[in-house]
Amino acid sequence: MPIIQSVDRALRILDLFDEYESELKITDISSRMNLHKSTVHSLLKTLQHYNYIEQNLENGKYKLGMKLFERGNFVIHNLDIRSVAKKHLMELSMKTGNTIHLVILDGKEGVYIDKVEGSAATILYSRIGRRIPVHCSAVGKALVAFKSQEELAAILKDYEYISQTPKTITNEKDFLIELDNVRKEGFAMDNQENEAGVSCISVPIRDHSEHVIAAISMSQPVHRINKKAIKEIAEMLKETAENISRELGFGVKASSI
């Protein structure tokens, strides 16, 4: 497959650092990469701009940035969520025949990190790795509704309320009203806001710190959705989410952790 040269070089620079050489001079990097110093300097400045590389101002050497620590913990954390949640997703899927999704927040979007296909599932648009806007999806609403005011403000700063269907929420005022309703009800819903003919219900998952770290959801064709179905699905999702959250330490007093 084709390799993008600049990306290849940037990743190779990151691989030069290890536990034995945590800091390197630009001349060292240039020599090991067999590249001119000016080329290496440009690559380092780009990596530095995105916090993947930092420069020690005392000696001028470069080292790995905190962004890598942040991203690494992000991956590890998500793997833990998947392993804990899997059996619960399978149980709910077997019970209902529907596909159950596990989604986390990455920046201003939700990302599907796992799913269990239901035996009677008729909705096939989802896939692991797919990104979904928070303003028009049940999972997105569940993921951001319980954020602090500061966190929510950061997410919604310069947010684009792109219309996916005629039912999509397209402004911040209505979105904030919707999030308030999510907090009151304990579950989120999108009614053909992301995809015509599809309704989705979602509930949050919390960890030992009581923060929402993921959400699970179930989608249905709109002709199957009524008040009774919404209540039943929401209760099943809540029970599943509570079981997952307990395994992640939710409800355990900090003094006993």
Protein backbone atom coordinates (compact mmCIF):
# COMPACT_ATOMS: atom_id res chain seq x y z
CA MET A 1 0.00 0.00 0.00
CA PRO A 2 1.19 3.59 -0.58
CA ILE A 3 3.12 5.27 2.23
CA ILE A 4 2.82 9.01 2.80
CA GLN A 5 6.43 10.13 3.17
CA SER A 6 5.89 13.00 5.61
CA VAL A 7 3.67 10.89 7.87
CA ASP A 8 6.16 8.02 7.71
CA ARG A 9 9.00 10.33 8.74
CA ALA A 10 7.02 11.87 11.60
CA LEU A 11 6.13 8.45 13.01
CA ARG A 12 9.72 7.25 12.68
CA ILE A 13 10.86 10.27 14.69
CA LEU A 14 8.48 9.33 17.49
CA ASP A 15 9.85 5.77 17.45
CA LEU A 16 13.40 7.05 18.10
CA PHE A 17 12.55 7.84 21.71
CA ASP A 18 12.54 5.10 24.33
CA GLU A 19 13.31 4.49 28.00
CA TYR A 20 17.04 4.71 27.30
CA GLU A 21 16.98 7.92 25.25
CA SER A 22 14.10 10.07 26.37
CA GLU A 23 15.65 13.26 24.94
CA LEU A 24 17.46 13.78 21.63
CA LYS A 25 19.21 16.67 19.92
CA ILE A 26 18.10 17.66 16.44
CA THR A 27 21.51 16.57 15.11
CA ASP A 28 20.98 13.10 16.61
CA ILE A 29 17.56 12.82 14.99
CA SER A 30 18.89 14.12 11.67
CA SER A 31 21.71 11.57 11.68
CA ARG A 32 19.53 8.59 12.59
CA MET A 33 16.84 9.54 10.09
CA ASN A 34 19.43 10.33 7.40
CA LEU A 35 17.63 13.61 6.76
CA HIS A 36 18.78 17.21 6.49
CA LYS A 37 18.43 19.24 9.68
CA SER A 38 16.01 21.67 8.04
CA THR A 39 13.66 18.82 7.11
CA VAL A 40 13.85 17.37 10.62
CA HIS A 41 13.27 20.81 12.10
CA SER A 42 10.04 21.23 10.11
CA LEU A 43 8.81 17.81 11.14
CA LEU A 44 9.60 18.48 14.80
CA LYS A 45 7.84 21.83 14.75
CA THR A 46 4.72 20.21 13.29
CA LEU A 47 4.75 17.48 15.94
CA GLN A 48 5.40 20.12 18.59
CA HIS A 49 2.43 22.16 17.38
CA TYR A 50 0.15 19.21 18.13
CA ASN A 51 1.92 18.41 21.43
CA TYR A 52 3.33 15.06 20.28
CA ILE A 53 6.83 16.46 20.79
CA GLU A 54 8.12 18.91 23.40
CA GLN A 55 11.41 20.79 23.60
CA ASN A 56 13.45 21.08 26.76
CA LEU A 57 14.26 24.80 26.80
CA GLU A 58 17.23 24.28 29.10
CA ASN A 59 19.24 22.05 26.76
CA GLY A 60 17.37 22.39 23.46
CA LYS A 61 16.72 18.66 23.23
CA TYR A 62 13.41 17.17 22.13
CA LYS A 63 11.26 14.62 23.97
CA LEU A 64 7.90 12.96 23.58
CA GLY A 65 4.93 15.19 24.41
CA MET A 66 1.99 14.68 26.73
CA LYS A 67 -0.37 14.15 23.81
CA LEU A 68 1.05 10.63 23.41
CA PHE A 69 0.39 9.91 27.09
CA GLU A 70 -3.13 11.24 26.67
CA ARG A 71 -3.82 9.19 23.55
CA GLY A 72 -2.25 6.06 25.04
CA ASN A 73 -4.42 6.23 28.14
CA PHE A 74 -7.40 6.86 25.89
CA VAL A 75 -6.74 3.56 24.07
CA ILE A 76 -6.11 1.55 27.24
CA HIS A 77 -9.16 2.99 28.94
CA ASN A 78 -11.41 2.14 26.02
CA LEU A 79 -10.10 -1.41 25.86
CA ASP A 80 -11.07 -1.83 29.52
CA ILE A 81 -14.58 -0.55 28.83
CA ARG A 82 -15.00 -2.97 25.94
CA SER A 83 -13.86 -5.99 27.91
CA VAL A 84 -16.15 -5.17 30.84
CA ALA A 85 -19.16 -4.27 28.70
CA LYS A 86 -19.03 -7.12 26.18
CA LYS A 87 -20.92 -9.78 28.09
CA HIS A 88 -23.62 -7.30 29.09
CA LEU A 89 -24.08 -6.15 25.50
CA MET A 90 -24.39 -9.78 24.41
CA GLU A 91 -26.98 -10.55 27.09
CA LEU A 92 -29.14 -7.57 26.13
CA SER A 93 -28.82 -8.34 22.43
CA MET A 94 -29.88 -11.96 23.00
CA LYS A 95 -32.79 -10.83 25.15
CA THR A 96 -34.12 -8.31 22.63
CA GLY A 97 -32.84 -9.56 19.30
CA ASN A 98 -31.58 -6.04 18.61
CA THR A 99 -28.10 -4.68 17.94
CA ILE A 100 -26.53 -2.98 20.95
CA HIS A 101 -23.82 -0.35 20.56
CA LEU A 102 -21.04 0.90 22.83
CA VAL A 103 -19.93 4.46 22.09
CA ILE A 104 -17.39 6.86 23.59
CA LEU A 105 -16.80 10.58 23.14
CA ASP A 106 -13.77 11.70 21.16
CA GLY A 107 -13.59 15.47 20.90
CA LYS A 108 -16.96 16.64 19.60
CA GLU A 109 -18.11 13.32 18.18
CA GLY A 110 -19.19 9.92 19.36
CA VAL A 111 -17.21 6.89 18.18
CA TYR A 112 -18.60 3.35 18.01
CA ILE A 113 -16.06 1.14 19.80
CA ASP A 114 -18.12 -2.06 19.97
CA LYS A 115 -21.41 -3.59 18.88
CA VAL A 116 -23.28 -6.86 19.18
CA GLU A 117 -25.48 -7.71 16.22
CA GLY A 118 -28.99 -8.77 17.15
CA SER A 119 -30.59 -11.83 15.58
CA ALA A 120 -33.61 -9.79 14.55
CA ALA A 121 -31.79 -6.58 13.71
CA THR A 122 -33.01 -4.69 10.66
CA ILE A 123 -30.81 -1.59 11.01
CA LEU A 124 -27.32 -2.12 9.65
CA TYR A 125 -25.84 1.38 9.26
CA SER A 126 -23.51 1.17 12.26
CA ARG A 127 -19.93 -0.09 12.30
CA ILE A 128 -17.10 -0.06 14.82
CA GLY A 129 -14.99 3.04 14.29
CA ARG A 130 -17.82 5.07 12.82
CA ARG A 131 -18.11 8.62 14.10
CA ILE A 132 -21.41 10.28 14.85
CA PRO A 133 -22.32 13.91 15.71
CA VAL A 134 -23.43 14.53 19.27
CA HIS A 135 -26.27 16.93 18.45
CA CYS A 136 -28.39 14.53 16.41
CA SER A 137 -27.68 11.17 18.04
CA ALA A 138 -29.01 9.58 21.20
CA VAL A 139 -25.53 8.37 22.14
CA GLY A 140 -24.09 11.82 21.60
CA LYS A 141 -26.67 13.40 23.85
CA ALA A 142 -26.10 10.76 26.54
CA LEU A 143 -22.34 11.34 26.39
CA VAL A 144 -22.42 15.13 26.77
CA ALA A 145 -25.56 15.77 28.85
CA PHE A 146 -23.82 15.08 32.15
CA LYS A 147 -20.66 17.08 31.47
CA SER A 148 -19.83 20.07 33.66
CA GLN A 149 -20.81 23.49 32.34
CA GLU A 150 -17.17 24.20 31.47
CA GLU A 151 -16.73 20.89 29.62
CA LEU A 152 -19.98 21.30 27.73
CA ALA A 153 -19.11 24.87 26.78
CA ALA A 154 -15.79 23.67 25.35
CA ILE A 155 -17.52 20.96 23.32
CA LEU A 156 -20.13 23.35 21.93
CA LYS A 157 -17.73 26.19 21.16
CA ASP A 158 -17.85 26.73 17.38
CA TYR A 159 -19.93 23.54 17.08
CA GLU A 160 -21.64 23.06 13.72
CA TYR A 161 -25.24 21.88 13.97
CA ILE A 162 -25.33 20.21 10.58
CA SER A 163 -28.78 19.02 9.56
CA GLN A 164 -28.92 15.28 8.88
CA THR A 165 -32.70 15.04 8.44
CA PRO A 166 -35.64 17.47 8.70
CA LYS A 167 -35.91 16.52 12.39
CA THR A 168 -32.30 17.38 13.31
CA ILE A 169 -31.72 19.95 16.07
CA THR A 170 -29.92 22.82 14.36
CA ASN A 171 -29.16 25.35 17.12
CA GLU A 172 -27.58 25.47 20.56
CA LYS A 173 -30.66 26.75 22.39
CA ASP A 174 -32.77 23.74 21.41
CA PHE A 175 -29.86 21.38 22.00
CA LEU A 176 -29.38 22.61 25.57
CA ILE A 177 -33.11 22.15 26.21
CA GLU A 178 -32.78 18.60 24.88
CA LEU A 179 -29.81 17.88 27.17
CA ASP A 180 -31.77 19.16 30.16
CA ASN A 181 -34.49 16.67 29.31
CA VAL A 182 -31.90 13.87 29.08
CA ARG A 183 -30.71 14.68 32.59
CA LYS A 184 -34.30 14.59 33.89
CA GLU A 185 -35.26 11.34 32.17
CA GLY A 186 -31.95 9.52 32.59
CA PHE A 187 -31.87 8.46 28.94
CA ALA A 188 -31.44 10.12 25.56
CA MET A 189 -33.35 9.64 22.34
CA ASP A 190 -33.16 10.71 18.75
CA ASN A 191 -36.33 10.49 16.72
CA GLN A 192 -35.18 10.30 13.09
CA GLU A 193 -32.71 13.12 13.84
CA ASN A 194 -29.72 11.26 12.45
CA GLU A 195 -31.32 8.90 9.96
CA ALA A 196 -34.82 8.95 8.50
CA GLY A 197 -36.98 6.06 9.65
CA VAL A 198 -34.72 5.21 12.61
CA SER A 199 -35.19 6.00 16.28
CA CYS A 200 -32.50 5.38 18.88
CA ILE A 201 -32.43 5.30 22.69
CA SER A 202 -29.24 5.58 24.74
CA VAL A 203 -28.09 5.70 28.36
CA PRO A 204 -24.74 6.68 29.89
CA ILE A 205 -22.14 4.48 31.57
CA ARG A 206 -20.18 5.84 34.53
CA ASP A 207 -16.90 4.80 36.12
CA HIS A 208 -15.62 4.85 39.71
CA SER A 209 -15.21 8.64 39.53
CA GLU A 210 -18.92 8.94 38.62
CA HIS A 211 -18.03 10.49 35.26
CA VAL A 212 -19.82 9.42 32.10
CA ILE A 213 -17.23 7.57 30.04
CA ALA A 214 -19.39 5.80 27.47
CA ALA A 215 -22.95 5.15 26.37
CA ILE A 216 -24.90 2.16 25.12
CA SER A 217 -27.76 2.33 22.66
CA MET A 218 -30.42 0.42 20.81
CA SER A 219 -31.96 1.50 17.52
CA GLN A 220 -35.40 0.66 16.17
CA PRO A 221 -37.39 1.40 13.02
CA VAL A 222 -39.80 4.21 13.90
CA HIS A 223 -42.88 2.06 13.27
CA ARG A 224 -41.88 -0.05 16.30
CA ILE A 225 -41.54 2.93 18.62
CA ASN A 226 -44.31 4.14 20.93
CA LYS A 227 -44.44 5.34 24.53
CA LYS A 228 -44.57 1.82 25.92
CA ALA A 229 -41.65 0.63 23.79
CA ILE A 230 -39.57 3.68 24.71
CA LYS A 231 -40.11 3.02 28.41
CA GLU A 232 -39.29 -0.68 28.11
CA ILE A 233 -36.14 -0.12 26.03
CA ALA A 234 -34.94 2.68 28.31
CA GLU A 235 -35.37 0.49 31.39
CA MET A 236 -33.47 -2.41 29.83
CA LEU A 237 -30.66 -0.12 28.74
CA LYS A 238 -30.50 1.51 32.17
CA GLU A 239 -30.24 -1.87 33.88
CA THR A 240 -27.46 -2.96 31.52
CA ALA A 241 -25.60 0.35 31.93
CA GLU A 242 -25.88 0.12 35.72
CA ASN A 243 -24.39 -3.39 35.67
CA ILE A 244 -21.48 -2.22 33.50
CA SER A 245 -20.97 0.88 35.63
CA ARG A 246 -20.83 -1.18 38.83
CA GLU A 247 -18.10 -3.36 37.33
CA LEU A 248 -16.19 -0.18 36.50
CA GLY A 249 -16.40 0.90 40.14
CA PHE A 250 -19.39 3.23 40.04
CA GLY A 251 -21.02 3.45 43.45
CA VAL A 252 -17.89 2.35 45.30
CA LYS A 253 -16.82 4.91 47.86
CA ALA A 254 -13.50 6.52 47.10
CA SER A 255 -12.15 5.48 50.50
CA SER A 256 -12.63 1.82 49.62
CA ILE A 257 -10.94 1.93 46.20
